[in-house]
C-alpha atoms as a PDB file:
ATOM      1  CA  MET A   1      87.970 107.337  86.861  1.00  0.00           C
ATOM      2  CA  LEU A   2      91.156 105.425  87.229  1.00  0.00           C
ATOM      3  CA  PRO A   3      90.840 103.015  90.678  1.00  0.00           C
ATOM      4  CA  SER A   4      93.272 104.077  93.364  1.00  0.00           C
ATOM      5  CA  LEU A   5      96.776 102.800  93.206  1.00  0.00           C
ATOM      6  CA  GLN A   6      96.957 103.345  97.282  1.00  0.00           C
ATOM      7  CA  ARG A   7      97.560 100.102  99.252  1.00  0.00           C
ATOM      8  CA  PRO A   8      93.860  98.747  99.966  1.00  0.00           C
ATOM      9  CA  SER A   9      92.461  98.911 103.215  1.00  0.00           C
ATOM     10  CA  THR A  10      91.739  95.512 105.017  1.00  0.00           C
ATOM     11  CA  ALA A  11      88.127  96.829 105.018  1.00  0.00           C
ATOM     12  CA  GLU A  12      88.403  96.927 100.898  1.00  0.00           C
ATOM     13  CA  VAL A  13      90.375  93.673 100.872  1.00  0.00           C
ATOM     14  CA  ARG A  14      87.361  92.000 102.932  1.00  0.00           C
ATOM     15  CA  SER A  15      84.431  93.958 101.205  1.00  0.00           C
ATOM     16  CA  ALA A  16      85.503  92.606  97.808  1.00  0.00           C
ATOM     17  CA  ILE A  17      85.867  88.893  98.820  1.00  0.00           C
ATOM     18  CA  ARG A  18      81.765  89.610 100.376  1.00  0.00           C
ATOM     19  CA  VAL A  19      80.811  90.489  96.965  1.00  0.00           C
ATOM     20  CA  PHE A  20      83.125  87.839  95.099  1.00  0.00           C
ATOM     21  CA  ARG A  21      81.507  85.025  97.670  1.00  0.00           C
ATOM     22  CA  ALA A  22      77.475  86.778  97.288  1.00  0.00           C
ATOM     23  CA  ILE A  23      77.921  86.378  93.462  1.00  0.00           C
ATOM     24  CA  VAL A  24      79.076  82.768  93.992  1.00  0.00           C
ATOM     25  CA  GLU A  25      77.022  81.431  96.358  1.00  0.00           C
ATOM     26  CA  GLY A  26      74.054  83.485  95.488  1.00  0.00           C
ATOM     27  CA  ALA A  27      70.956  82.458  94.612  1.00  0.00           C
ATOM     28  CA  ALA A  28      69.776  84.923  91.802  1.00  0.00           C
ATOM     29  CA  PRO A  29      70.468  84.082  88.460  1.00  0.00           C
ATOM     30  CA  VAL A  30      74.508  84.818  87.712  1.00  0.00           C
ATOM     31  CA  ASP A  31      75.566  88.009  86.178  1.00  0.00           C
ATOM     32  CA  TYR A  32      78.604  87.188  84.325  1.00  0.00           C
ATOM     33  CA  ALA A  33      78.964  91.092  83.895  1.00  0.00           C
ATOM     34  CA  GLU A  34      79.229  91.285  88.211  1.00  0.00           C
ATOM     35  CA  LEU A  35      80.963  88.561  88.146  1.00  0.00           C
ATOM     36  CA  THR A  36      83.736  89.316  85.790  1.00  0.00           C
ATOM     37  CA  ALA A  37      83.679  92.904  87.591  1.00  0.00           C
ATOM     38  CA  ALA A  38      84.196  91.267  91.256  1.00  0.00           C
ATOM     39  CA  ILE A  39      87.085  89.359  89.697  1.00  0.00           C
ATOM     40  CA  THR A  40      88.906  92.034  88.270  1.00  0.00           C
ATOM     41  CA  ASN A  41      88.320  94.468  91.047  1.00  0.00           C
ATOM     42  CA  LEU A  42      89.852  91.223  93.625  1.00  0.00           C
ATOM     43  CA  MET A  43      92.873  91.546  91.349  1.00  0.00           C
ATOM     44  CA  ASN A  44      93.056  95.305  91.166  1.00  0.00           C
ATOM     45  CA  ILE A  45      93.184  95.056  94.803  1.00  0.00           C
ATOM     46  CA  ALA A  46      95.753  92.431  95.028  1.00  0.00           C
ATOM     47  CA  ALA A  47      98.028  94.010  92.504  1.00  0.00           C
ATOM     48  CA  ARG A  48      97.929  97.082  94.865  1.00  0.00           C
ATOM     49  CA  MET A  49      99.490  95.016  98.178  1.00  0.00           C
ATOM     50  CA  LYS A  50     102.887  94.287  96.526  1.00  0.00           C
ATOM     51  CA  GLY A  51     105.494  94.063  99.418  1.00  0.00           C
ATOM     52  CA  GLU A  52     102.879  93.019 101.998  1.00  0.00           C
ATOM     53  CA  PRO A  53     104.839  91.826 105.027  1.00  0.00           C
ATOM     54  CA  ALA A  54     104.378  87.606 105.734  1.00  0.00           C
ATOM     55  CA  GLY A  55     102.092  86.467 108.133  1.00  0.00           C
ATOM     56  CA  ASP A  56     102.963  84.383 111.200  1.00  0.00           C
ATOM     57  CA  GLU A  57     104.300  80.688 109.177  1.00  0.00           C
ATOM     58  CA  GLU A  58     103.070  78.994 112.593  1.00  0.00           C
ATOM     59  CA  GLN A  59      99.715  79.837 112.011  1.00  0.00           C
ATOM     60  CA  THR A  60      97.259  76.576 112.692  1.00  0.00           C
ATOM     61  CA  LEU A  61      94.374  77.297 110.545  1.00  0.00           C
ATOM     62  CA  GLN A  62      92.628  74.311 109.706  1.00  0.00           C
ATOM     63  CA  ARG A  63      92.395  74.630 105.656  1.00  0.00           C
ATOM     64  CA  ARG A  64      89.322  74.220 103.726  1.00  0.00           C
ATOM     65  CA  SER A  65      88.447  71.346 101.297  1.00  0.00           C
ATOM     66  CA  SER A  66      88.953  72.511  97.633  1.00  0.00           C
ATOM     67  CA  PRO A  67      86.846  69.696  96.713  1.00  0.00           C
ATOM     68  CA  ALA A  68      84.130  71.020  98.836  1.00  0.00           C
ATOM     69  CA  ASP A  69      84.520  74.458  97.822  1.00  0.00           C
ATOM     70  CA  HIS A  70      84.448  72.888  93.738  1.00  0.00           C
ATOM     71  CA  VAL A  71      81.355  71.633  94.422  1.00  0.00           C
ATOM     72  CA  VAL A  72      80.018  75.205  95.383  1.00  0.00           C
ATOM     73  CA  VAL A  73      81.162  76.674  91.847  1.00  0.00           C
ATOM     74  CA  GLN A  74      80.010  73.443  90.062  1.00  0.00           C
ATOM     75  CA  GLU A  75      76.411  73.563  91.220  1.00  0.00           C
ATOM     76  CA  ARG A  76      76.223  77.087  91.037  1.00  0.00           C
ATOM     77  CA  PHE A  77      77.661  77.474  87.324  1.00  0.00           C
ATOM     78  CA  THR A  78      76.670  74.967  85.550  1.00  0.00           C
ATOM     79  CA  GLU A  79      76.791  76.544  82.157  1.00  0.00           C
ATOM     80  CA  LEU A  80      80.303  77.302  82.396  1.00  0.00           C
ATOM     81  CA  ARG A  81      81.642  74.859  79.938  1.00  0.00           C
ATOM     82  CA  VAL A  82      84.536  73.002  78.839  1.00  0.00           C
ATOM     83  CA  LEU A  83      86.565  74.328  75.507  1.00  0.00           C
ATOM     84  CA  THR A  84      86.017  72.260  72.406  1.00  0.00           C
ATOM     85  CA  ALA A  85      88.337  72.023  69.635  1.00  0.00           C
ATOM     86  CA  ASP A  86      86.667  74.554  67.697  1.00  0.00           C
ATOM     87  CA  ASP A  87      88.181  77.162  70.019  1.00  0.00           C
ATOM     88  CA  ASP A  88      91.425  76.016  70.169  1.00  0.00           C
ATOM     89  CA  ALA A  89      92.713  79.383  68.730  1.00  0.00           C
ATOM     90  CA  ALA A  90      91.253  81.536  71.404  1.00  0.00           C
ATOM     91  CA  SER A  91      92.404  78.821  74.337  1.00  0.00           C
ATOM     92  CA  ASP A  92      95.619  80.925  74.072  1.00  0.00           C
ATOM     93  CA  LEU A  93      94.376  83.665  75.368  1.00  0.00           C
ATOM     94  CA  TRP A  94      91.659  82.013  77.941  1.00  0.00           C
ATOM     95  CA  THR A  95      91.061  79.563  79.471  1.00  0.00           C
ATOM     96  CA  ALA A  96      89.299  76.157  78.446  1.00  0.00           C
ATOM     97  CA  MET A  97      88.365  75.119  81.867  1.00  0.00           C
ATOM     98  CA  PRO A  98      86.322  77.954  83.578  1.00  0.00           C
ATOM     99  CA  LEU A  99      84.658  75.763  86.721  1.00  0.00           C
ATOM    100  CA  ASP A 100      88.338  74.622  87.229  1.00  0.00           C
ATOM    101  CA  ASP A 101      89.691  78.219  87.433  1.00  0.00           C
ATOM    102  CA  LEU A 102      86.850  79.607  89.127  1.00  0.00           C
ATOM    103  CA  GLY A 103      86.528  76.780  91.658  1.00  0.00           C
ATOM    104  CA  ASP A 104      90.354  77.124  92.300  1.00  0.00           C
ATOM    105  CA  LEU A 105      89.808  81.484  92.687  1.00  0.00           C
ATOM    106  CA  TYR A 106      86.930  80.843  95.163  1.00  0.00           C
ATOM    107  CA  HIS A 107      89.045  78.318  97.293  1.00  0.00           C
ATOM    108  CA  ASP A 108      91.861  80.554  97.806  1.00  0.00           C
ATOM    109  CA  ILE A 109      89.951  83.314  98.489  1.00  0.00           C
ATOM    110  CA  ARG A 110      88.212  81.663 100.898  1.00  0.00           C
ATOM    111  CA  VAL A 111      91.298  80.686 102.495  1.00  0.00           C
ATOM    112  CA  SER A 112      92.469  84.236 103.137  1.00  0.00           C
ATOM    113  CA  GLU A 113      88.812  85.492 104.529  1.00  0.00           C
ATOM    114  CA  ASP A 114      89.435  82.441 106.974  1.00  0.00           C
ATOM    115  CA  MET A 115      92.462  83.613 108.127  1.00  0.00           C
ATOM    116  CA  PHE A 116      91.097  87.127 108.172  1.00  0.00           C
ATOM    117  CA  GLU A 117      88.191  85.573 110.372  1.00  0.00           C
ATOM    118  CA  CYS A 118      90.417  84.211 112.520  1.00  0.00           C
ATOM    119  CA  GLY A 119      92.034  87.363 113.234  1.00  0.00           C
ATOM    120  CA  ASP A 120      95.345  86.936 111.550  1.00  0.00           C
ATOM    121  CA  GLU A 121      94.872  90.249 109.464  1.00  0.00           C
ATOM    122  CA  THR A 122      98.757  90.184 108.405  1.00  0.00           C
ATOM    123  CA  GLY A 123      98.764  86.651 107.326  1.00  0.00           C
ATOM    124  CA  ALA A 124      95.208  86.815 105.134  1.00  0.00           C
ATOM    125  CA  ARG A 125      96.754  89.998 103.526  1.00  0.00           C
ATOM    126  CA  TRP A 126     100.117  88.441 102.403  1.00  0.00           C
ATOM    127  CA  ASP A 127      98.142  85.166 101.586  1.00  0.00           C
ATOM    128  CA  PHE A 128      95.870  87.010  99.304  1.00  0.00           C
ATOM    129  CA  ARG A 129      98.733  88.780  97.731  1.00  0.00           C
ATOM    130  CA  PHE A 130     101.118  85.634  97.706  1.00  0.00           C
ATOM    131  CA  GLY A 131      97.569  83.563  96.375  1.00  0.00           C
ATOM    132  CA  PHE A 132      97.214  86.300  93.559  1.00  0.00           C
ATOM    133  CA  GLU A 133     101.051  86.053  92.535  1.00  0.00           C
ATOM    134  CA  ASN A 134     101.647  82.421  92.664  1.00  0.00           C
ATOM    135  CA  HIS A 135      98.228  80.766  91.749  1.00  0.00           C
ATOM    136  CA  TRP A 136      94.461  82.485  91.808  1.00  0.00           C
ATOM    137  CA  GLY A 137      95.737  85.603  89.674  1.00  0.00           C
ATOM    138  CA  GLU A 138      96.457  83.085  86.299  1.00  0.00           C
ATOM    139  CA  HIS A 139      93.190  81.285  86.815  1.00  0.00           C
ATOM    140  CA  ALA A 140      91.129  84.874  87.595  1.00  0.00           C
ATOM    141  CA  LEU A 141      93.395  86.140  84.737  1.00  0.00           C
ATOM    142  CA  SER A 142      92.570  83.118  82.279  1.00  0.00           C
ATOM    143  CA  LEU A 143      88.516  83.278  83.567  1.00  0.00           C
ATOM    144  CA  VAL A 144      87.849  86.900  82.733  1.00  0.00           C
ATOM    145  CA  GLY A 145      89.157  86.461  79.603  1.00  0.00           C
ATOM    146  CA  TYR A 146      86.392  83.506  79.090  1.00  0.00           C
ATOM    147  CA  LEU A 147      83.854  85.513  80.430  1.00  0.00           C
ATOM    148  CA  LEU A 148      84.325  88.428  78.765  1.00  0.00           C
ATOM    149  CA  HIS A 149      84.709  86.268  75.549  1.00  0.00           C
ATOM    150  CA  SER A 150      81.393  84.017  75.977  1.00  0.00           C
ATOM    151  CA  TYR A 151      79.391  86.466  77.745  1.00  0.00           C
ATOM    152  CA  ARG A 152      79.793  89.776  76.190  1.00  0.00           C
ATOM    153  CA  ALA A 153      76.055  91.485  75.365  1.00  0.00           C
END
């Protein structure tokens, strides 16, 4: 069944964020198929949010620490590796730095989630979509390519 093409509800966006966070922050062994599906779902949802109205630019949200969010990823995903010279041909298709991609993705998603938590639904939805178009979407796409190449059955 094809996913819905309708604009996602806020509940759907927040649910996808929770699923992604549960995998990134979990204690159980990482299931890379689940991680790939969660990232793909975030991209699907963001792609359906074209035309989100901008939020309040005066919002005074204390920004998350990007280095701290990257530490969460680095501690949990120690087996993700930087590509070697043998991987050069494939690196045109997917990431050479999966930890950086996952760290940036996790950080940007958490920023949007913080905005939801502060009650700025419009701003959070816009930030989620804007981040997809301008930053985390590219990291997510490259990371999914890496995961499919490196962790397929």
